[in-house]
């Protein structure tokens, strides 16, 4: 074999070996299992959606307790609730979360978090009271939060968007639902929206 032929063979062999040595295998990320938190969120939303438009529970807090039982007490243990300083069960749950440092008012909630409202019934003269509760089921890109709650005897979806507190809908999309009835014709509609009664979110994790 001539010198030129040997040289070409050597270059070809070197190219092949070099090519193999730097080749990076691809990783199939599609097989990565979903996280436990994602699985929990999916389970919560599935349960909530299955109850929409049904008469479940005696009131809002009873509905949350029913969901809580289905989720193996993910939200609270009934024995932990203290009614000594709470006018409602919703307030007892709120007080428990506040004691545990799990109440948030500044950040967006996560799917599955509790959502609390105050003074949706006639407030006392002394202080505001927690009077309503629901569970967050979704969060849209425009920061509209969808929650599921029992109101007027039926489980339904509610909406709240603190970026547009005075709006019921924008371009046909509901961003804040009515959570109380406007009792008089002189009451502006925006004063009856969910955004006006938010007390905070109860973090699950």
N, C-alpha and C. Protein backbone atom coordinates (compact mmCIF):
# COMPACT_ATOMS: atom_id res chain seq x y z
N UNK A 1 0.86 -1.18 0.00
CA UNK A 1 0.00 0.00 0.00
C UNK A 1 0.90 1.23 0.00
N UNK A 2 0.55 2.23 -0.85
CA UNK A 2 1.37 3.42 -0.96
C UNK A 2 1.25 4.31 0.26
N UNK A 3 2.19 5.23 0.34
CA UNK A 3 2.19 6.15 1.48
C UNK A 3 0.94 7.01 1.52
N UNK A 4 0.52 7.47 0.34
CA UNK A 4 -0.67 8.33 0.26
C UNK A 4 -1.92 7.57 0.72
N UNK A 5 -2.01 6.30 0.27
CA UNK A 5 -3.17 5.49 0.64
C UNK A 5 -3.20 5.27 2.15
N UNK A 6 -2.05 4.96 2.77
CA UNK A 6 -1.98 4.77 4.21
C UNK A 6 -2.39 6.03 4.97
N UNK A 7 -1.99 7.18 4.42
CA UNK A 7 -2.29 8.45 5.06
C UNK A 7 -3.79 8.73 5.03
N UNK A 8 -4.41 8.44 3.88
CA UNK A 8 -5.86 8.65 3.75
C UNK A 8 -6.63 7.70 4.67
N UNK A 9 -6.16 6.46 4.78
CA UNK A 9 -6.81 5.48 5.65
C UNK A 9 -6.72 5.93 7.11
N UNK A 10 -5.58 6.47 7.47
CA UNK A 10 -5.38 6.95 8.85
C UNK A 10 -6.31 8.10 9.17
N UNK A 11 -6.47 9.04 8.21
CA UNK A 11 -7.36 10.17 8.42
C UNK A 11 -8.81 9.73 8.57
N UNK A 12 -9.21 8.76 7.73
CA UNK A 12 -10.59 8.26 7.79
C UNK A 12 -10.87 7.60 9.12
N UNK A 13 -9.93 6.78 9.60
CA UNK A 13 -10.09 6.09 10.87
C UNK A 13 -10.15 7.09 12.03
N UNK A 14 -9.30 8.11 11.96
CA UNK A 14 -9.27 9.13 13.01
C UNK A 14 -10.59 9.89 13.05
N UNK A 15 -11.17 10.18 11.87
CA UNK A 15 -12.43 10.91 11.79
C UNK A 15 -13.57 10.10 12.40
N UNK A 16 -13.57 8.81 12.09
CA UNK A 16 -14.62 7.94 12.61
C UNK A 16 -14.54 7.83 14.12
N UNK A 17 -13.32 7.64 14.65
CA UNK A 17 -13.15 7.50 16.08
C UNK A 17 -13.50 8.80 16.81
N UNK A 18 -13.06 9.92 16.20
CA UNK A 18 -13.35 11.22 16.82
C UNK A 18 -14.84 11.48 16.84
N UNK A 19 -15.52 11.14 15.72
CA UNK A 19 -16.95 11.34 15.65
C UNK A 19 -17.67 10.54 16.70
N UNK A 20 -17.29 9.32 16.96
CA UNK A 20 -17.94 8.50 17.98
C UNK A 20 -17.70 9.06 19.38
N UNK A 21 -16.48 9.61 19.58
CA UNK A 21 -16.14 10.03 20.93
C UNK A 21 -16.90 11.26 21.36
N UNK A 22 -17.34 12.13 20.47
CA UNK A 22 -18.01 13.36 20.87
C UNK A 22 -19.52 13.28 20.68
N UNK A 23 -20.03 12.18 20.22
CA UNK A 23 -21.46 12.06 20.00
C UNK A 23 -22.18 12.01 21.35
N UNK A 24 -23.19 12.86 21.54
CA UNK A 24 -23.95 12.91 22.78
C UNK A 24 -25.29 12.22 22.60
N UNK A 25 -25.57 11.23 23.40
CA UNK A 25 -26.85 10.54 23.25
C UNK A 25 -28.01 11.44 23.65
N UNK A 26 -29.12 11.35 22.90
CA UNK A 26 -30.31 12.15 23.22
C UNK A 26 -31.04 11.52 24.39
N UNK A 27 -31.71 12.38 25.20
CA UNK A 27 -32.46 11.92 26.36
C UNK A 27 -33.95 12.11 26.10
N UNK A 28 -34.68 11.07 26.22
CA UNK A 28 -36.13 11.12 26.00
C UNK A 28 -36.81 11.61 27.27
N UNK A 29 -37.10 12.93 27.29
CA UNK A 29 -37.71 13.52 28.49
C UNK A 29 -39.19 13.19 28.60
N UNK A 30 -39.75 12.66 27.52
CA UNK A 30 -41.18 12.36 27.56
C UNK A 30 -41.51 11.24 28.54
N UNK A 31 -40.48 10.48 28.92
CA UNK A 31 -40.72 9.37 29.85
C UNK A 31 -40.53 9.78 31.30
N UNK A 32 -40.20 11.09 31.55
CA UNK A 32 -40.01 11.57 32.90
C UNK A 32 -41.35 11.53 33.65
N UNK A 33 -41.41 10.84 34.76
CA UNK A 33 -42.70 10.72 35.47
C UNK A 33 -43.14 12.06 36.05
N UNK A 34 -44.45 12.35 36.10
CA UNK A 34 -44.93 13.61 36.68
C UNK A 34 -44.66 13.65 38.18
N UNK A 35 -44.48 14.86 38.69
CA UNK A 35 -44.20 15.03 40.11
C UNK A 35 -45.42 14.68 40.95
N UNK A 36 -45.18 14.45 42.23
CA UNK A 36 -46.29 14.12 43.13
C UNK A 36 -47.24 15.30 43.29
N UNK A 37 -46.69 16.54 43.27
CA UNK A 37 -47.55 17.73 43.41
C UNK A 37 -48.46 17.87 42.20
N UNK A 38 -47.93 17.54 41.02
CA UNK A 38 -48.75 17.61 39.81
C UNK A 38 -49.88 16.57 39.88
N UNK A 39 -49.56 15.38 40.34
CA UNK A 39 -50.57 14.34 40.47
C UNK A 39 -51.66 14.76 41.45
N UNK A 40 -51.25 15.42 42.54
CA UNK A 40 -52.22 15.89 43.53
C UNK A 40 -53.14 16.95 42.94
N UNK A 41 -52.55 17.89 42.18
CA UNK A 41 -53.35 18.93 41.55
C UNK A 41 -54.39 18.33 40.60
N UNK A 42 -53.96 17.35 39.81
CA UNK A 42 -54.87 16.70 38.87
C UNK A 42 -56.00 16.00 39.62
N UNK A 43 -55.67 15.33 40.70
CA UNK A 43 -56.68 14.62 41.48
C UNK A 43 -57.68 15.60 42.08
N UNK A 44 -57.18 16.73 42.61
CA UNK A 44 -58.06 17.73 43.21
C UNK A 44 -59.01 18.31 42.16
N UNK A 45 -58.47 18.70 41.01
CA UNK A 45 -59.32 19.30 39.99
C UNK A 45 -60.34 18.30 39.45
N UNK A 46 -59.95 17.05 39.35
CA UNK A 46 -60.90 16.02 38.90
C UNK A 46 -62.07 15.90 39.88
N UNK A 47 -61.75 15.90 41.17
CA UNK A 47 -62.80 15.80 42.18
C UNK A 47 -63.70 17.04 42.14
N UNK A 48 -63.09 18.22 42.08
CA UNK A 48 -63.86 19.46 42.06
C UNK A 48 -64.78 19.52 40.85
N UNK A 49 -64.24 19.20 39.68
CA UNK A 49 -65.04 19.26 38.45
C UNK A 49 -66.20 18.27 38.46
N UNK A 50 -66.03 17.16 39.17
CA UNK A 50 -67.08 16.15 39.22
C UNK A 50 -68.28 16.62 40.04
N UNK A 51 -68.07 17.66 40.86
CA UNK A 51 -69.15 18.15 41.72
C UNK A 51 -69.87 19.39 41.17
N UNK A 52 -69.37 19.96 40.07
CA UNK A 52 -69.97 21.18 39.52
C UNK A 52 -71.45 20.96 39.24
N UNK A 53 -72.27 21.93 39.64
CA UNK A 53 -73.72 21.94 39.42
C UNK A 53 -74.47 20.91 40.25
N UNK A 54 -73.82 20.36 41.27
CA UNK A 54 -74.50 19.40 42.14
C UNK A 54 -74.77 20.01 43.51
N UNK A 55 -75.74 19.46 44.20
CA UNK A 55 -76.06 19.90 45.55
C UNK A 55 -75.26 19.05 46.54
N UNK A 56 -74.05 19.48 46.81
CA UNK A 56 -73.14 18.73 47.68
C UNK A 56 -72.84 19.56 48.92
N UNK A 57 -73.11 19.01 50.07
CA UNK A 57 -72.82 19.70 51.33
C UNK A 57 -73.92 20.64 51.76
N UNK A 58 -73.95 20.92 53.06
CA UNK A 58 -74.96 21.82 53.61
C UNK A 58 -74.62 23.28 53.33
N UNK A 59 -73.32 23.58 53.24
CA UNK A 59 -72.87 24.94 52.96
C UNK A 59 -71.45 24.88 52.40
N UNK A 60 -70.81 26.03 52.29
CA UNK A 60 -69.48 26.09 51.66
C UNK A 60 -68.44 25.29 52.43
N UNK A 61 -68.43 25.40 53.75
CA UNK A 61 -67.42 24.70 54.55
C UNK A 61 -67.68 23.19 54.59
N UNK A 62 -68.95 22.81 54.55
CA UNK A 62 -69.28 21.39 54.53
C UNK A 62 -68.82 20.76 53.21
N UNK A 63 -68.95 21.51 52.11
CA UNK A 63 -68.45 21.03 50.82
C UNK A 63 -66.94 20.82 50.88
N UNK A 64 -66.22 21.78 51.44
CA UNK A 64 -64.76 21.66 51.56
C UNK A 64 -64.40 20.45 52.42
N UNK A 65 -65.16 20.21 53.46
CA UNK A 65 -64.90 19.06 54.34
C UNK A 65 -65.10 17.75 53.59
N UNK A 66 -66.10 17.70 52.71
CA UNK A 66 -66.35 16.49 51.91
C UNK A 66 -65.18 16.22 50.97
N UNK A 67 -64.70 17.27 50.32
CA UNK A 67 -63.54 17.13 49.44
C UNK A 67 -62.31 16.73 50.26
N UNK A 68 -62.17 17.34 51.42
CA UNK A 68 -61.04 17.04 52.31
C UNK A 68 -61.02 15.56 52.68
N UNK A 69 -62.16 14.99 52.97
CA UNK A 69 -62.24 13.57 53.31
C UNK A 69 -61.85 12.69 52.13
N UNK A 70 -62.26 13.09 50.93
CA UNK A 70 -61.89 12.32 49.73
C UNK A 70 -60.40 12.34 49.49
N UNK A 71 -59.75 13.39 49.96
CA UNK A 71 -58.31 13.56 49.75
C UNK A 71 -57.51 13.17 51.01
N UNK A 72 -58.13 12.36 51.86
CA UNK A 72 -57.45 11.86 53.07
C UNK A 72 -56.94 12.98 53.96
N UNK A 73 -57.80 13.97 54.18
CA UNK A 73 -57.50 15.09 55.09
C UNK A 73 -56.27 15.89 54.68
N UNK A 74 -56.19 16.18 53.40
CA UNK A 74 -55.05 16.97 52.90
C UNK A 74 -55.09 18.41 53.43
N UNK A 75 -56.29 18.90 53.75
CA UNK A 75 -56.43 20.28 54.19
C UNK A 75 -56.35 20.46 55.70
N UNK A 76 -57.00 19.58 56.42
CA UNK A 76 -57.00 19.69 57.88
C UNK A 76 -57.60 18.43 58.48
N UNK A 77 -57.30 18.25 59.74
CA UNK A 77 -57.93 17.22 60.55
C UNK A 77 -59.05 17.91 61.33
N UNK A 78 -60.24 17.38 61.24
CA UNK A 78 -61.38 18.01 61.91
C UNK A 78 -61.10 18.26 63.39
N UNK A 79 -60.31 17.41 64.01
CA UNK A 79 -60.00 17.55 65.42
C UNK A 79 -59.14 18.78 65.71
N UNK A 80 -58.48 19.32 64.66
CA UNK A 80 -57.61 20.48 64.86
C UNK A 80 -58.40 21.78 64.90
N UNK A 81 -59.62 21.77 64.44
CA UNK A 81 -60.40 23.00 64.34
C UNK A 81 -60.88 23.45 65.71
N UNK A 82 -60.67 24.72 65.99
CA UNK A 82 -61.06 25.31 67.27
C UNK A 82 -62.20 26.32 67.02
N UNK A 83 -63.37 26.02 67.56
CA UNK A 83 -64.53 26.87 67.34
C UNK A 83 -64.74 27.88 68.47
N UNK A 84 -63.83 27.90 69.42
CA UNK A 84 -63.98 28.79 70.57
C UNK A 84 -64.04 30.26 70.15
N UNK A 85 -63.21 30.63 69.17
CA UNK A 85 -63.17 32.03 68.74
C UNK A 85 -63.61 32.19 67.29
N UNK A 86 -64.31 31.20 66.78
CA UNK A 86 -64.74 31.23 65.38
C UNK A 86 -66.25 31.22 65.29
N UNK A 87 -66.78 32.12 64.49
CA UNK A 87 -68.23 32.20 64.33
C UNK A 87 -68.73 31.16 63.34
N UNK A 88 -67.86 30.71 62.43
CA UNK A 88 -68.23 29.73 61.41
C UNK A 88 -67.13 28.70 61.26
N UNK A 89 -67.43 27.60 60.60
CA UNK A 89 -66.41 26.59 60.34
C UNK A 89 -65.36 27.14 59.38
N UNK A 90 -65.80 27.97 58.43
CA UNK A 90 -64.85 28.60 57.50
C UNK A 90 -63.82 29.41 58.27
N UNK A 91 -64.28 30.11 59.32
CA UNK A 91 -63.37 30.92 60.13
C UNK A 91 -62.45 30.04 60.97
N UNK A 92 -62.97 28.91 61.44
CA UNK A 92 -62.14 27.99 62.22
C UNK A 92 -61.01 27.42 61.35
N UNK A 93 -61.32 27.12 60.10
CA UNK A 93 -60.29 26.63 59.17
C UNK A 93 -59.27 27.73 58.89
N UNK A 94 -59.77 28.95 58.65
CA UNK A 94 -58.88 30.09 58.41
C UNK A 94 -57.95 30.31 59.61
N UNK A 95 -58.50 30.28 60.81
CA UNK A 95 -57.69 30.49 62.02
C UNK A 95 -56.60 29.44 62.16
N UNK A 96 -56.92 28.20 61.79
CA UNK A 96 -55.93 27.12 61.85
C UNK A 96 -54.79 27.40 60.88
N UNK A 97 -55.13 27.81 59.66
CA UNK A 97 -54.11 28.10 58.66
C UNK A 97 -53.29 29.33 59.06
N UNK A 98 -53.94 30.32 59.63
CA UNK A 98 -53.22 31.51 60.07
C UNK A 98 -52.24 31.15 61.19
N UNK A 99 -52.66 30.31 62.10
CA UNK A 99 -51.80 29.86 63.19
C UNK A 99 -50.59 29.11 62.66
N UNK A 100 -50.77 28.37 61.57
CA UNK A 100 -49.69 27.59 60.98
C UNK A 100 -48.85 28.40 59.99
N UNK A 101 -49.19 29.68 59.81
CA UNK A 101 -48.44 30.54 58.89
C UNK A 101 -48.68 30.21 57.43
N UNK A 102 -49.87 29.72 57.12
CA UNK A 102 -50.16 29.29 55.74
C UNK A 102 -51.12 30.21 55.00
N UNK A 103 -51.42 31.37 55.55
CA UNK A 103 -52.29 32.31 54.87
C UNK A 103 -51.45 33.26 54.02
N UNK A 104 -51.84 33.40 52.75
CA UNK A 104 -51.13 34.29 51.83
C UNK A 104 -52.13 35.28 51.21
N UNK A 105 -51.70 36.53 51.10
CA UNK A 105 -52.54 37.55 50.48
C UNK A 105 -51.85 38.26 49.33
N UNK A 106 -50.54 38.10 49.21
CA UNK A 106 -49.78 38.86 48.22
C UNK A 106 -49.48 38.08 46.95
N UNK A 107 -49.33 36.78 47.05
CA UNK A 107 -48.94 35.97 45.90
C UNK A 107 -50.12 35.19 45.35
N UNK A 108 -50.00 34.81 44.08
CA UNK A 108 -51.03 33.97 43.49
C UNK A 108 -51.04 32.61 44.18
N UNK A 109 -52.20 32.00 44.31
CA UNK A 109 -52.27 30.68 44.94
C UNK A 109 -51.84 29.59 43.98
N UNK A 110 -51.79 28.38 44.46
CA UNK A 110 -51.58 27.21 43.62
C UNK A 110 -52.90 26.47 43.48
N UNK A 111 -53.00 25.66 42.45
CA UNK A 111 -54.18 24.83 42.29
C UNK A 111 -54.31 23.92 43.51
N UNK A 112 -55.50 23.88 44.07
CA UNK A 112 -55.74 23.08 45.26
C UNK A 112 -55.72 23.87 46.55
N UNK A 113 -55.19 25.09 46.52
CA UNK A 113 -55.19 25.92 47.73
C UNK A 113 -56.62 26.32 48.11
N UNK A 114 -56.81 26.60 49.38
CA UNK A 114 -58.09 27.12 49.84
C UNK A 114 -58.16 28.61 49.57
N UNK A 115 -59.37 29.13 49.40
CA UNK A 115 -59.56 30.56 49.22
C UNK A 115 -60.64 31.01 50.21
N UNK A 116 -60.34 32.08 50.96
CA UNK A 116 -61.23 32.55 52.03
C UNK A 116 -61.79 33.94 51.69
N UNK A 117 -63.03 34.15 52.09
CA UNK A 117 -63.69 35.44 51.90
C UNK A 117 -64.25 35.92 53.24
N UNK A 118 -64.30 37.23 53.39
CA UNK A 118 -64.80 37.82 54.64
C UNK A 118 -66.04 38.68 54.37
N UNK A 119 -66.89 38.73 55.35
CA UNK A 119 -68.05 39.62 55.36
C UNK A 119 -69.00 39.43 54.18
N UNK A 120 -69.13 38.19 53.73
CA UNK A 120 -70.12 37.92 52.67
C UNK A 120 -71.53 37.84 53.27
N UNK A 121 -71.59 37.74 54.57
CA UNK A 121 -72.85 37.93 55.29
C UNK A 121 -72.70 39.24 56.06
N UNK A 122 -73.76 39.72 56.65
CA UNK A 122 -73.72 41.01 57.33
C UNK A 122 -72.63 41.01 58.40
N UNK A 123 -71.65 41.88 58.29
CA UNK A 123 -70.54 41.88 59.26
C UNK A 123 -70.97 42.40 60.63
N UNK A 124 -70.23 42.01 61.65
CA UNK A 124 -70.48 42.54 62.98
C UNK A 124 -69.94 43.96 63.07
N UNK A 125 -70.33 44.65 64.11
CA UNK A 125 -69.87 46.03 64.28
C UNK A 125 -68.43 46.08 64.78
N UNK A 126 -67.97 44.98 65.35
CA UNK A 126 -66.65 45.00 66.00
C UNK A 126 -65.51 44.66 65.05
N UNK A 127 -65.70 43.65 64.20
CA UNK A 127 -64.61 43.26 63.30
C UNK A 127 -65.12 42.43 62.13
N UNK A 128 -64.27 42.29 61.11
CA UNK A 128 -64.62 41.46 59.97
C UNK A 128 -64.55 39.99 60.37
N UNK A 129 -65.35 39.17 59.71
CA UNK A 129 -65.36 37.74 59.99
C UNK A 129 -65.21 36.96 58.70
N UNK A 130 -64.48 35.84 58.79
CA UNK A 130 -64.38 34.93 57.67
C UNK A 130 -65.73 34.21 57.54
N UNK A 131 -66.32 34.30 56.36
CA UNK A 131 -67.67 33.78 56.21
C UNK A 131 -67.86 32.86 55.01
N UNK A 132 -66.81 32.68 54.18
CA UNK A 132 -66.99 31.84 52.99
C UNK A 132 -65.65 31.22 52.61
N UNK A 133 -65.73 30.04 52.00
CA UNK A 133 -64.51 29.30 51.64
C UNK A 133 -64.73 28.52 50.35
N UNK A 134 -63.66 28.37 49.57
CA UNK A 134 -63.70 27.57 48.35
C UNK A 134 -62.33 26.94 48.11
N UNK A 135 -62.17 26.29 46.96
CA UNK A 135 -60.90 25.64 46.62
C UNK A 135 -60.49 26.06 45.21
N UNK A 136 -59.25 26.50 45.06
CA UNK A 136 -58.73 26.95 43.77
C UNK A 136 -58.61 25.77 42.82
N UNK A 137 -59.18 25.92 41.62
CA UNK A 137 -59.16 24.83 40.64
C UNK A 137 -58.34 25.16 39.40
N UNK A 138 -58.06 26.44 39.15
CA UNK A 138 -57.27 26.80 37.96
C UNK A 138 -56.83 28.25 38.07
N UNK A 139 -55.79 28.59 37.32
CA UNK A 139 -55.29 29.97 37.26
C UNK A 139 -54.96 30.28 35.80
N UNK A 140 -55.61 31.29 35.24
CA UNK A 140 -55.39 31.64 33.85
C UNK A 140 -54.18 32.56 33.68
N UNK A 141 -53.75 32.71 32.45
CA UNK A 141 -52.56 33.52 32.15
C UNK A 141 -52.74 34.98 32.54
N UNK A 142 -53.98 35.46 32.56
CA UNK A 142 -54.23 36.85 32.94
C UNK A 142 -54.42 37.01 34.44
N UNK A 143 -54.07 35.96 35.20
CA UNK A 143 -54.15 35.92 36.67
C UNK A 143 -55.58 35.84 37.20
N UNK A 144 -56.51 35.47 36.33
CA UNK A 144 -57.86 35.17 36.82
C UNK A 144 -57.82 33.81 37.51
N UNK A 145 -58.27 33.80 38.76
CA UNK A 145 -58.26 32.58 39.57
C UNK A 145 -59.66 31.97 39.55
N UNK A 146 -59.74 30.70 39.21
CA UNK A 146 -61.01 29.99 39.23
C UNK A 146 -61.06 29.15 40.50
N UNK A 147 -62.14 29.25 41.22
CA UNK A 147 -62.29 28.46 42.43
C UNK A 147 -63.66 27.78 42.41
N UNK A 148 -63.75 26.68 43.12
CA UNK A 148 -65.00 25.93 43.21
C UNK A 148 -65.52 26.06 44.64
N UNK A 149 -66.80 26.39 44.75
CA UNK A 149 -67.38 26.60 46.08
C UNK A 149 -68.86 26.23 46.04
N UNK A 150 -69.40 26.05 47.22
CA UNK A 150 -70.83 25.79 47.34
C UNK A 150 -71.50 27.09 47.75
N UNK A 151 -72.43 27.54 46.92
CA UNK A 151 -73.11 28.80 47.20
C UNK A 151 -74.56 28.67 46.77
N UNK A 152 -75.46 29.15 47.59
CA UNK A 152 -76.89 29.04 47.32
C UNK A 152 -77.33 27.60 47.07
N UNK A 153 -76.70 26.67 47.80
CA UNK A 153 -77.11 25.28 47.73
C UNK A 153 -76.56 24.48 46.58
N UNK A 154 -75.66 25.07 45.78
CA UNK A 154 -75.12 24.35 44.62
C UNK A 154 -73.63 24.61 44.47
N UNK A 155 -72.91 23.58 44.05
CA UNK A 155 -71.47 23.72 43.79
C UNK A 155 -71.28 24.38 42.43
N UNK A 156 -70.49 25.41 42.39
CA UNK A 156 -70.29 26.15 41.14
C UNK A 156 -68.88 26.73 41.09
N UNK A 157 -68.52 27.25 39.94
CA UNK A 157 -67.22 27.91 39.78
C UNK A 157 -67.35 29.40 40.07
N UNK A 158 -66.34 29.94 40.72
CA UNK A 158 -66.25 31.37 40.95
C UNK A 158 -64.97 31.91 40.33
N UNK A 159 -64.91 33.22 40.16
CA UNK A 159 -63.76 33.85 39.51
C UNK A 159 -63.32 35.07 40.31
N UNK A 160 -62.01 35.27 40.34
CA UNK A 160 -61.47 36.44 41.02
C UNK A 160 -60.18 36.87 40.35
N UNK A 161 -60.07 38.17 40.12
CA UNK A 161 -58.87 38.73 39.49
C UNK A 161 -58.56 40.07 40.16
N UNK A 162 -57.51 40.10 40.95
CA UNK A 162 -57.18 41.30 41.72
C UNK A 162 -56.52 42.37 40.86
N UNK A 163 -56.17 42.04 39.62
CA UNK A 163 -55.64 43.04 38.70
C UNK A 163 -56.75 43.87 38.08
N UNK A 164 -57.97 43.35 38.16
CA UNK A 164 -59.14 44.04 37.60
C UNK A 164 -60.28 43.96 38.61
N UNK A 165 -60.06 44.53 39.77
CA UNK A 165 -60.96 44.34 40.90
C UNK A 165 -62.37 44.88 40.67
N UNK A 166 -62.51 45.90 39.83
CA UNK A 166 -63.82 46.53 39.65
C UNK A 166 -64.57 46.01 38.43
N UNK A 167 -64.05 44.98 37.79
CA UNK A 167 -64.67 44.46 36.56
C UNK A 167 -65.28 43.09 36.77
N UNK A 168 -66.51 42.93 36.29
CA UNK A 168 -67.15 41.61 36.30
C UNK A 168 -66.67 40.79 35.12
N UNK A 169 -66.63 41.40 33.94
CA UNK A 169 -66.09 40.71 32.76
C UNK A 169 -65.33 41.69 31.89
N UNK A 170 -64.40 41.16 31.14
CA UNK A 170 -63.59 41.94 30.21
C UNK A 170 -63.64 41.25 28.86
N UNK A 171 -64.16 41.95 27.88
CA UNK A 171 -64.30 41.39 26.52
C UNK A 171 -65.06 40.07 26.53
N UNK A 172 -66.09 40.01 27.35
CA UNK A 172 -66.93 38.83 27.39
C UNK A 172 -66.44 37.72 28.31
N UNK A 173 -65.28 37.89 28.91
CA UNK A 173 -64.74 36.87 29.81
C UNK A 173 -64.92 37.30 31.26
N UNK A 174 -65.53 36.45 32.07
CA UNK A 174 -65.73 36.75 33.49
C UNK A 174 -64.38 36.71 34.20
N UNK A 175 -64.07 37.79 34.92
CA UNK A 175 -62.82 37.84 35.69
C UNK A 175 -63.10 37.93 37.19
N UNK A 176 -64.27 38.44 37.55
CA UNK A 176 -64.70 38.47 38.94
C UNK A 176 -66.18 38.12 38.99
N UNK A 177 -66.52 37.08 39.74
CA UNK A 177 -67.92 36.70 39.86
C UNK A 177 -68.55 37.42 41.04
N UNK A 178 -69.87 37.46 41.03
CA UNK A 178 -70.60 38.06 42.15
C UNK A 178 -70.67 37.03 43.28
N UNK A 179 -70.28 37.45 44.46
CA UNK A 179 -70.27 36.52 45.60
C UNK A 179 -71.32 36.90 46.64
N UNK A 180 -71.86 38.10 46.52
CA UNK A 180 -73.01 38.52 47.33
C UNK A 180 -74.00 39.21 46.40
N UNK A 181 -75.22 39.32 46.86
CA UNK A 181 -76.23 40.01 46.09
C UNK A 181 -76.18 41.51 46.37
N UNK A 182 -76.27 42.28 45.32
CA UNK A 182 -76.37 43.73 45.49
C UNK A 182 -77.80 44.02 45.94
N UNK A 183 -77.96 44.43 47.17
CA UNK A 183 -79.29 44.50 47.77
C UNK A 183 -80.13 45.68 47.31
N UNK A 184 -79.49 46.75 46.88
CA UNK A 184 -80.24 47.92 46.44
C UNK A 184 -79.81 48.35 45.05
N UNK A 185 -80.68 49.06 44.38
CA UNK A 185 -80.37 49.55 43.04
C UNK A 185 -79.25 50.57 43.06
N UNK A 186 -79.06 51.20 44.22
CA UNK A 186 -78.03 52.24 44.33
C UNK A 186 -76.65 51.66 44.62
N UNK A 187 -76.58 50.35 44.89
CA UNK A 187 -75.29 49.72 45.16
C UNK A 187 -74.57 49.43 43.85
N UNK A 188 -73.39 50.01 43.64
CA UNK A 188 -72.65 49.71 42.40
C UNK A 188 -72.32 48.22 42.31
N UNK A 189 -72.45 47.66 41.13
CA UNK A 189 -72.23 46.22 40.95
C UNK A 189 -70.85 45.77 41.41
N UNK A 190 -69.84 46.62 41.21
CA UNK A 190 -68.48 46.19 41.53
C UNK A 190 -68.28 45.94 43.02
N UNK A 191 -69.14 46.51 43.85
CA UNK A 191 -69.01 46.30 45.30
C UNK A 191 -69.48 44.91 45.73
N UNK A 192 -70.09 44.17 44.81
CA UNK A 192 -70.60 42.83 45.14
C UNK A 192 -69.74 41.73 44.54
N UNK A 193 -68.60 42.11 43.97
CA UNK A 193 -67.72 41.14 43.31
C UNK A 193 -66.82 40.42 44.32
N UNK A 194 -66.38 39.24 43.94
CA UNK A 194 -65.52 38.42 44.80
C UNK A 194 -64.24 39.14 45.21
N UNK A 195 -63.72 39.98 44.32
CA UNK A 195 -62.46 40.67 44.59
C UNK A 195 -62.56 41.61 45.79
N UNK A 196 -63.76 42.04 46.13
CA UNK A 196 -63.95 42.98 47.24
C UNK A 196 -64.03 42.28 48.60
N UNK A 197 -64.08 40.94 48.58
CA UNK A 197 -64.29 40.21 49.83
C UNK A 197 -63.18 39.20 50.14
N UNK A 198 -62.13 39.20 49.33
CA UNK A 198 -61.04 38.23 49.54
C UNK A 198 -60.34 38.47 50.88
N UNK A 199 -60.17 37.37 51.63
CA UNK A 199 -59.43 37.45 52.90
C UNK A 199 -58.05 36.85 52.78
N UNK A 200 -57.86 35.92 51.83
CA UNK A 200 -56.56 35.30 51.64
C UNK A 200 -56.66 33.89 51.12
N UNK A 201 -55.50 33.30 50.85
CA UNK A 201 -55.42 31.93 50.35
C UNK A 201 -54.77 31.05 51.42
N UNK A 202 -55.28 29.85 51.54
CA UNK A 202 -54.70 28.90 52.47
C UNK A 202 -53.80 27.92 51.73
N UNK A 203 -52.50 28.06 51.94
CA UNK A 203 -51.54 27.22 51.24
C UNK A 203 -51.62 25.78 51.72
N UNK A 204 -51.71 24.86 50.78
CA UNK A 204 -51.74 23.44 51.13
C UNK A 204 -50.33 22.95 51.40
N UNK A 205 -49.36 23.39 50.58
CA UNK A 205 -47.97 22.96 50.75
C UNK A 205 -47.09 24.13 51.18
